[in-house]
């Protein structure tokens, strides 16, 4: 174990791979290392049994949850497995955010226009892409006070993602749409709205690299009606 600033790192062998882990970011592994040091005070490497998709989970914690979309295929079952790993690691994917706060952060990726300075202001695309992963968690697992009201909010968030190709790329949009349609039943009009943006788009599983500017896309709020 070694200290880096205020953080403590440990080398943990998970399966047959050694990982250097910031323990402050992995509460479960922090407790695991503490217990191991009781019986192995001189140990420099701590051995843990395999953890499903740990490499992806670690990348998401260290470099942003958008890395999870980039690292996995558009297979919803693998994303469920990843969320189960985050639960095991005692990591709060939502970081305490409400559904409204998640939606607000999604919109932080938009390029805006400042009329006073007469110039475009680039949005925080990294935050928006990380937040899309939190939205996926909400779609799959959140318990709502009002299923109808909150599902409408989620649909509008899904529409926002699929209608902003300059920020959210194919894998993100595909997984989120599949998740929404699995849990909720989009109306014919809602499905048509989703299809409008997906039609003709190349199923490119590449990275989320994009230009700094993107056109402004919008959707008709009427799509949210049931």
C-alpha atoms as a PDB file:
ATOM      1  CA  UNK A   1       0.000   0.000   0.000  1.00  0.00           C
ATOM      2  CA  UNK A   2       1.130   3.535  -0.664  1.00  0.00           C
ATOM      3  CA  UNK A   3      -0.196   7.020  -0.125  1.00  0.00           C
ATOM      4  CA  UNK A   4      -0.766   9.432  -3.007  1.00  0.00           C
ATOM      5  CA  UNK A   5      -1.662  12.849  -1.624  1.00  0.00           C
ATOM      6  CA  UNK A   6      -4.599  12.298   0.707  1.00  0.00           C
ATOM      7  CA  UNK A   7      -5.497   9.024  -0.968  1.00  0.00           C
ATOM      8  CA  UNK A   8      -4.303   5.512  -0.238  1.00  0.00           C
ATOM      9  CA  UNK A   9      -3.657   3.066  -3.054  1.00  0.00           C
ATOM     10  CA  UNK A  10      -3.352  -0.685  -2.818  1.00  0.00           C
ATOM     11  CA  UNK A  11      -2.437  -3.392  -5.267  1.00  0.00           C
ATOM     12  CA  UNK A  12      -5.247  -5.926  -5.392  1.00  0.00           C
ATOM     13  CA  UNK A  13      -5.148  -9.079  -7.483  1.00  0.00           C
ATOM     14  CA  UNK A  14      -8.636  -9.729  -8.771  1.00  0.00           C
ATOM     15  CA  UNK A  15      -8.745 -12.956 -10.685  1.00  0.00           C
ATOM     16  CA  UNK A  16      -5.310 -13.084 -12.299  1.00  0.00           C
ATOM     17  CA  UNK A  17      -4.814  -9.336 -12.848  1.00  0.00           C
ATOM     18  CA  UNK A  18      -3.174  -6.858 -10.487  1.00  0.00           C
ATOM     19  CA  UNK A  19      -4.946  -3.511 -10.128  1.00  0.00           C
ATOM     20  CA  UNK A  20      -3.700  -0.391  -8.386  1.00  0.00           C
ATOM     21  CA  UNK A  21      -6.829   0.875  -6.656  1.00  0.00           C
ATOM     22  CA  UNK A  22      -7.610   4.207  -4.977  1.00  0.00           C
ATOM     23  CA  UNK A  23      -9.268   2.812  -1.857  1.00  0.00           C
ATOM     24  CA  UNK A  24     -11.236   6.001  -1.168  1.00  0.00           C
ATOM     25  CA  UNK A  25     -13.127   5.359  -4.416  1.00  0.00           C
ATOM     26  CA  UNK A  26     -13.874   1.702  -3.655  1.00  0.00           C
ATOM     27  CA  UNK A  27     -15.430   1.409  -0.152  1.00  0.00           C
ATOM     28  CA  UNK A  28     -15.851  -2.357  -0.350  1.00  0.00           C
ATOM     29  CA  UNK A  29     -12.210  -2.908  -1.319  1.00  0.00           C
ATOM     30  CA  UNK A  30     -11.065  -0.473   1.356  1.00  0.00           C
ATOM     31  CA  UNK A  31     -12.782  -2.660   3.970  1.00  0.00           C
ATOM     32  CA  UNK A  32     -11.411  -5.787   2.297  1.00  0.00           C
ATOM     33  CA  UNK A  33      -7.823  -4.501   2.495  1.00  0.00           C
ATOM     34  CA  UNK A  34      -8.271  -3.468   6.139  1.00  0.00           C
ATOM     35  CA  UNK A  35      -9.380  -6.984   7.060  1.00  0.00           C
ATOM     36  CA  UNK A  36      -6.578  -8.575   5.050  1.00  0.00           C
ATOM     37  CA  UNK A  37      -3.958  -6.462   6.807  1.00  0.00           C
ATOM     38  CA  UNK A  38      -5.024  -7.875  10.161  1.00  0.00           C
ATOM     39  CA  UNK A  39      -3.826 -11.341   9.147  1.00  0.00           C
ATOM     40  CA  UNK A  40      -1.247 -10.270   6.538  1.00  0.00           C
ATOM     41  CA  UNK A  41       0.362  -7.072   7.911  1.00  0.00           C
ATOM     42  CA  UNK A  42       3.378  -7.382   5.576  1.00  0.00           C
ATOM     43  CA  UNK A  43       1.400  -8.068   2.416  1.00  0.00           C
ATOM     44  CA  UNK A  44       1.971  -5.821  -0.607  1.00  0.00           C
ATOM     45  CA  UNK A  45      -0.571  -7.506  -2.865  1.00  0.00           C
ATOM     46  CA  UNK A  46      -4.034  -8.485  -1.661  1.00  0.00           C
ATOM     47  CA  UNK A  47      -5.770 -11.426  -3.326  1.00  0.00           C
ATOM     48  CA  UNK A  48      -9.481 -11.273  -4.134  1.00  0.00           C
ATOM     49  CA  UNK A  49     -11.634 -13.666  -6.079  1.00  0.00           C
ATOM     50  CA  UNK A  50     -12.780 -12.586  -9.579  1.00  0.00           C
ATOM     51  CA  UNK A  51     -15.336  -9.765  -9.782  1.00  0.00           C
ATOM     52  CA  UNK A  52     -17.467  -9.548 -12.917  1.00  0.00           C
ATOM     53  CA  UNK A  53     -16.442  -6.670 -15.203  1.00  0.00           C
ATOM     54  CA  UNK A  54     -14.165  -5.190 -12.563  1.00  0.00           C
ATOM     55  CA  UNK A  55     -11.883  -3.692 -15.216  1.00  0.00           C
ATOM     56  CA  UNK A  56     -14.826  -1.763 -16.678  1.00  0.00           C
ATOM     57  CA  UNK A  57     -16.100  -0.739 -13.240  1.00  0.00           C
ATOM     58  CA  UNK A  58     -12.666   0.608 -12.285  1.00  0.00           C
ATOM     59  CA  UNK A  59     -12.363   2.518 -15.542  1.00  0.00           C
ATOM     60  CA  UNK A  60     -15.784   4.093 -14.943  1.00  0.00           C
ATOM     61  CA  UNK A  61     -14.836   5.231 -11.435  1.00  0.00           C
ATOM     62  CA  UNK A  62     -11.433   6.592 -12.429  1.00  0.00           C
ATOM     63  CA  UNK A  63     -12.162   8.119 -15.846  1.00  0.00           C
ATOM     64  CA  UNK A  64     -15.915   8.773 -15.859  1.00  0.00           C
ATOM     65  CA  UNK A  65     -18.940   6.545 -16.362  1.00  0.00           C
ATOM     66  CA  UNK A  66     -18.974   7.330 -20.091  1.00  0.00           C
ATOM     67  CA  UNK A  67     -16.107   4.833 -20.304  1.00  0.00           C
ATOM     68  CA  UNK A  68     -18.575   2.080 -19.402  1.00  0.00           C
ATOM     69  CA  UNK A  69     -20.578   2.663 -22.573  1.00  0.00           C
ATOM     70  CA  UNK A  70     -17.365   2.649 -24.585  1.00  0.00           C
ATOM     71  CA  UNK A  71     -16.136  -0.583 -22.990  1.00  0.00           C
ATOM     72  CA  UNK A  72     -19.273  -2.703 -23.324  1.00  0.00           C
ATOM     73  CA  UNK A  73     -21.339  -3.855 -26.305  1.00  0.00           C
ATOM     74  CA  UNK A  74     -24.975  -2.796 -26.575  1.00  0.00           C
ATOM     75  CA  UNK A  75     -26.009  -5.797 -24.504  1.00  0.00           C
ATOM     76  CA  UNK A  76     -28.272  -4.717 -21.676  1.00  0.00           C
ATOM     77  CA  UNK A  77     -27.459  -7.819 -19.629  1.00  0.00           C
ATOM     78  CA  UNK A  78     -23.799  -6.781 -19.385  1.00  0.00           C
ATOM     79  CA  UNK A  79     -24.804  -3.342 -18.134  1.00  0.00           C
ATOM     80  CA  UNK A  80     -26.955  -5.019 -15.484  1.00  0.00           C
ATOM     81  CA  UNK A  81     -23.946  -7.107 -14.480  1.00  0.00           C
ATOM     82  CA  UNK A  82     -21.858  -3.942 -14.233  1.00  0.00           C
ATOM     83  CA  UNK A  83     -24.437  -2.263 -11.988  1.00  0.00           C
ATOM     84  CA  UNK A  84     -24.409  -5.379  -9.789  1.00  0.00           C
ATOM     85  CA  UNK A  85     -20.624  -5.019  -9.525  1.00  0.00           C
ATOM     86  CA  UNK A  86     -20.979  -1.385  -8.502  1.00  0.00           C
ATOM     87  CA  UNK A  87     -23.447  -2.477  -5.835  1.00  0.00           C
ATOM     88  CA  UNK A  88     -20.947  -5.063  -4.578  1.00  0.00           C
ATOM     89  CA  UNK A  89     -18.233  -2.407  -4.467  1.00  0.00           C
ATOM     90  CA  UNK A  90     -20.583  -0.163  -2.459  1.00  0.00           C
ATOM     91  CA  UNK A  91     -20.422   2.600  -5.053  1.00  0.00           C
ATOM     92  CA  UNK A  92     -23.386   4.958  -5.340  1.00  0.00           C
ATOM     93  CA  UNK A  93     -23.680   5.387  -9.103  1.00  0.00           C
ATOM     94  CA  UNK A  94     -26.170   8.231  -8.700  1.00  0.00           C
ATOM     95  CA  UNK A  95     -24.006  10.060  -6.146  1.00  0.00           C
ATOM     96  CA  UNK A  96     -27.238  11.015  -4.380  1.00  0.00           C
ATOM     97  CA  UNK A  97     -28.661  12.845  -7.406  1.00  0.00           C
ATOM     98  CA  UNK A  98     -32.414  13.048  -7.956  1.00  0.00           C
ATOM     99  CA  UNK A  99     -34.046  12.367 -11.302  1.00  0.00           C
ATOM    100  CA  UNK A 100     -34.401  16.121 -11.915  1.00  0.00           C
ATOM    101  CA  UNK A 101     -30.715  16.703 -11.139  1.00  0.00           C
ATOM    102  CA  UNK A 102     -29.692  13.907 -13.490  1.00  0.00           C
ATOM    103  CA  UNK A 103     -31.775  15.442 -16.281  1.00  0.00           C
ATOM    104  CA  UNK A 104     -30.285  18.883 -15.609  1.00  0.00           C
ATOM    105  CA  UNK A 105     -26.763  17.457 -15.893  1.00  0.00           C
ATOM    106  CA  UNK A 106     -27.622  15.768 -19.191  1.00  0.00           C
ATOM    107  CA  UNK A 107     -28.441  19.174 -20.633  1.00  0.00           C
ATOM    108  CA  UNK A 108     -25.076  20.572 -19.543  1.00  0.00           C
ATOM    109  CA  UNK A 109     -23.636  19.070 -22.711  1.00  0.00           C
ATOM    110  CA  UNK A 110     -25.552  21.433 -25.012  1.00  0.00           C
ATOM    111  CA  UNK A 111     -23.740  24.112 -26.945  1.00  0.00           C
ATOM    112  CA  UNK A 112     -25.375  27.414 -26.014  1.00  0.00           C
ATOM    113  CA  UNK A 113     -25.312  30.885 -27.500  1.00  0.00           C
ATOM    114  CA  UNK A 114     -24.431  34.001 -25.511  1.00  0.00           C
ATOM    115  CA  UNK A 115     -26.258  36.924 -27.155  1.00  0.00           C
ATOM    116  CA  UNK A 116     -24.249  39.502 -25.234  1.00  0.00           C
ATOM    117  CA  UNK A 117     -20.881  38.130 -26.309  1.00  0.00           C
ATOM    118  CA  UNK A 118     -22.275  36.939 -29.641  1.00  0.00           C
ATOM    119  CA  UNK A 119     -20.556  33.612 -29.485  1.00  0.00           C
ATOM    120  CA  UNK A 120     -21.322  29.974 -28.859  1.00  0.00           C
ATOM    121  CA  UNK A 121     -20.385  28.446 -25.524  1.00  0.00           C
ATOM    122  CA  UNK A 122     -19.423  24.787 -25.597  1.00  0.00           C
ATOM    123  CA  UNK A 123     -21.279  22.561 -23.158  1.00  0.00           C
ATOM    124  CA  UNK A 124     -19.741  20.100 -20.723  1.00  0.00           C
ATOM    125  CA  UNK A 125     -20.007  17.006 -22.881  1.00  0.00           C
ATOM    126  CA  UNK A 126     -17.997  14.876 -20.462  1.00  0.00           C
ATOM    127  CA  UNK A 127     -20.477  15.536 -17.661  1.00  0.00           C
ATOM    128  CA  UNK A 128     -23.417  14.870 -19.976  1.00  0.00           C
ATOM    129  CA  UNK A 129     -21.962  11.547 -21.143  1.00  0.00           C
ATOM    130  CA  UNK A 130     -21.186  10.428 -17.598  1.00  0.00           C
ATOM    131  CA  UNK A 131     -24.721  11.393 -16.572  1.00  0.00           C
ATOM    132  CA  UNK A 132     -26.210   9.245 -19.347  1.00  0.00           C
ATOM    133  CA  UNK A 133     -24.920   6.219 -17.431  1.00  0.00           C
ATOM    134  CA  UNK A 134     -26.699   7.469 -14.319  1.00  0.00           C
ATOM    135  CA  UNK A 135     -29.850   7.866 -16.383  1.00  0.00           C
ATOM    136  CA  UNK A 136     -29.535   4.241 -17.458  1.00  0.00           C
ATOM    137  CA  UNK A 137     -29.411   3.246 -13.792  1.00  0.00           C
ATOM    138  CA  UNK A 138     -32.574   5.249 -13.094  1.00  0.00           C
ATOM    139  CA  UNK A 139     -34.394   3.663 -16.023  1.00  0.00           C
ATOM    140  CA  UNK A 140     -33.502   0.158 -14.884  1.00  0.00           C
ATOM    141  CA  UNK A 141     -33.798   0.378 -11.108  1.00  0.00           C
ATOM    142  CA  UNK A 142     -35.336   3.565  -9.739  1.00  0.00           C
ATOM    143  CA  UNK A 143     -38.493   3.317  -7.659  1.00  0.00           C
ATOM    144  CA  UNK A 144     -40.775   6.238  -8.364  1.00  0.00           C
ATOM    145  CA  UNK A 145     -43.351   8.046  -6.307  1.00  0.00           C
ATOM    146  CA  UNK A 146     -45.387   8.589  -9.460  1.00  0.00           C
ATOM    147  CA  UNK A 147     -44.654   5.992 -12.137  1.00  0.00           C
ATOM    148  CA  UNK A 148     -46.555   7.891 -14.830  1.00  0.00           C
ATOM    149  CA  UNK A 149     -45.067  11.309 -14.088  1.00  0.00           C
ATOM    150  CA  UNK A 150     -41.515  10.088 -13.669  1.00  0.00           C
ATOM    151  CA  UNK A 151     -41.644   7.783 -16.677  1.00  0.00           C
ATOM    152  CA  UNK A 152     -42.619  10.828 -18.739  1.00  0.00           C
ATOM    153  CA  UNK A 153     -39.565  12.660 -17.387  1.00  0.00           C
ATOM    154  CA  UNK A 154     -37.413   9.692 -18.302  1.00  0.00           C
ATOM    155  CA  UNK A 155     -38.870   9.502 -21.789  1.00  0.00           C
ATOM    156  CA  UNK A 156     -38.078  13.159 -22.374  1.00  0.00           C
ATOM    157  CA  UNK A 157     -34.528  12.488 -21.160  1.00  0.00           C
ATOM    158  CA  UNK A 158     -34.221   9.543 -23.551  1.00  0.00           C
ATOM    159  CA  UNK A 159     -35.480  11.734 -26.389  1.00  0.00           C
ATOM    160  CA  UNK A 160     -32.937  14.376 -25.447  1.00  0.00           C
ATOM    161  CA  UNK A 161     -30.152  11.833 -25.716  1.00  0.00           C
ATOM    162  CA  UNK A 162     -31.208  10.322 -29.042  1.00  0.00           C
ATOM    163  CA  UNK A 163     -31.734  13.793 -30.553  1.00  0.00           C
ATOM    164  CA  UNK A 164     -28.216  15.035 -29.690  1.00  0.00           C
ATOM    165  CA  UNK A 165     -25.875  12.895 -31.799  1.00  0.00           C
ATOM    166  CA  UNK A 166     -23.055  15.392 -31.377  1.00  0.00           C
ATOM    167  CA  UNK A 167     -22.912  14.533 -27.684  1.00  0.00           C
ATOM    168  CA  UNK A 168     -24.254  10.996 -27.292  1.00  0.00           C
ATOM    169  CA  UNK A 169     -23.031   8.278 -29.618  1.00  0.00           C
ATOM    170  CA  UNK A 170     -24.534   5.043 -30.859  1.00  0.00           C
ATOM    171  CA  UNK A 171     -23.793   2.705 -27.950  1.00  0.00           C
ATOM    172  CA  UNK A 172     -25.121   5.137 -25.365  1.00  0.00           C
ATOM    173  CA  UNK A 173     -28.303   5.874 -27.296  1.00  0.00           C
ATOM    174  CA  UNK A 174     -28.991   2.254 -28.166  1.00  0.00           C
ATOM    175  CA  UNK A 175     -28.591   0.860 -24.648  1.00  0.00           C
ATOM    176  CA  UNK A 176     -30.674   3.628 -23.094  1.00  0.00           C
ATOM    177  CA  UNK A 177     -33.468   3.225 -25.621  1.00  0.00           C
ATOM    178  CA  UNK A 178     -33.581  -0.561 -25.176  1.00  0.00           C
ATOM    179  CA  UNK A 179     -33.649  -0.154 -21.393  1.00  0.00           C
ATOM    180  CA  UNK A 180     -36.492   2.354 -21.536  1.00  0.00           C
ATOM    181  CA  UNK A 181     -38.580   0.210 -23.877  1.00  0.00           C
ATOM    182  CA  UNK A 182     -37.982  -2.847 -21.692  1.00  0.00           C
ATOM    183  CA  UNK A 183     -39.266  -1.202 -18.513  1.00  0.00           C
ATOM    184  CA  UNK A 184     -41.920   1.087 -19.966  1.00  0.00           C
ATOM    185  CA  UNK A 185     -44.242   0.807 -22.914  1.00  0.00           C
ATOM    186  CA  UNK A 186     -43.744   3.722 -25.294  1.00  0.00           C
ATOM    187  CA  UNK A 187     -46.843   4.902 -27.099  1.00  0.00           C
ATOM    188  CA  UNK A 188     -46.961   4.745 -30.883  1.00  0.00           C
ATOM    189  CA  UNK A 189     -46.222   8.471 -31.004  1.00  0.00           C
ATOM    190  CA  UNK A 190     -43.301   8.157 -28.613  1.00  0.00           C
ATOM    191  CA  UNK A 191     -41.820   5.298 -30.598  1.00  0.00           C
ATOM    192  CA  UNK A 192     -42.157   7.325 -33.781  1.00  0.00           C
ATOM    193  CA  UNK A 193     -40.267  10.154 -32.101  1.00  0.00           C
ATOM    194  CA  UNK A 194     -37.439   7.812 -31.157  1.00  0.00           C
ATOM    195  CA  UNK A 195     -37.386   6.268 -34.630  1.00  0.00           C
ATOM    196  CA  UNK A 196     -37.133   9.694 -36.210  1.00  0.00           C
ATOM    197  CA  UNK A 197     -33.666  10.195 -34.802  1.00  0.00           C
ATOM    198  CA  UNK A 198     -32.472   6.615 -35.182  1.00  0.00           C
ATOM    199  CA  UNK A 199     -33.489   6.239 -38.807  1.00  0.00           C
ATOM    200  CA  UNK A 200     -30.528   6.273 -41.106  1.00  0.00           C
ATOM    201  CA  UNK A 201     -27.955   6.484 -38.333  1.00  0.00           C
ATOM    202  CA  UNK A 202     -24.962   4.227 -38.798  1.00  0.00           C
ATOM    203  CA  UNK A 203     -24.589   1.682 -36.034  1.00  0.00           C
ATOM    204  CA  UNK A 204     -21.087   2.866 -35.279  1.00  0.00           C
ATOM    205  CA  UNK A 205     -19.791   1.348 -32.034  1.00  0.00           C
ATOM    206  CA  UNK A 206     -16.768   3.642 -31.995  1.00  0.00           C
ATOM    207  CA  UNK A 207     -15.726   6.169 -29.393  1.00  0.00           C
ATOM    208  CA  UNK A 208     -17.617   9.212 -28.252  1.00  0.00           C
ATOM    209  CA  UNK A 209     -15.213  11.567 -29.956  1.00  0.00           C
ATOM    210  CA  UNK A 210     -17.027  14.554 -31.422  1.00  0.00           C
ATOM    211  CA  UNK A 211     -16.511  18.082 -32.593  1.00  0.00           C
ATOM    212  CA  UNK A 212     -16.809  20.992 -30.197  1.00  0.00           C
ATOM    213  CA  UNK A 213     -19.964  22.316 -31.813  1.00  0.00           C
ATOM    214  CA  UNK A 214     -23.188  20.623 -32.761  1.00  0.00           C
ATOM    215  CA  UNK A 215     -26.481  21.819 -34.176  1.00  0.00           C
ATOM    216  CA  UNK A 216     -29.297  22.395 -31.742  1.00  0.00           C
ATOM    217  CA  UNK A 217     -31.828  19.567 -31.774  1.00  0.00           C
ATOM    218  CA  UNK A 218     -35.177  19.661 -30.066  1.00  0.00           C
ATOM    219  CA  UNK A 219     -38.162  17.438 -29.649  1.00  0.00           C
ATOM    220  CA  UNK A 220     -41.849  18.158 -29.320  1.00  0.00           C
ATOM    221  CA  UNK A 221     -42.886  17.875 -25.684  1.00  0.00           C
ATOM    222  CA  UNK A 222     -46.107  16.362 -26.927  1.00  0.00           C
ATOM    223  CA  UNK A 223     -44.226  13.080 -27.344  1.00  0.00           C
ATOM    224  CA  UNK A 224     -44.347  12.675 -23.578  1.00  0.00           C
ATOM    225  CA  UNK A 225     -48.119  12.361 -23.462  1.00  0.00           C
ATOM    226  CA  UNK A 226     -49.553   8.919 -22.786  1.00  0.00           C
END
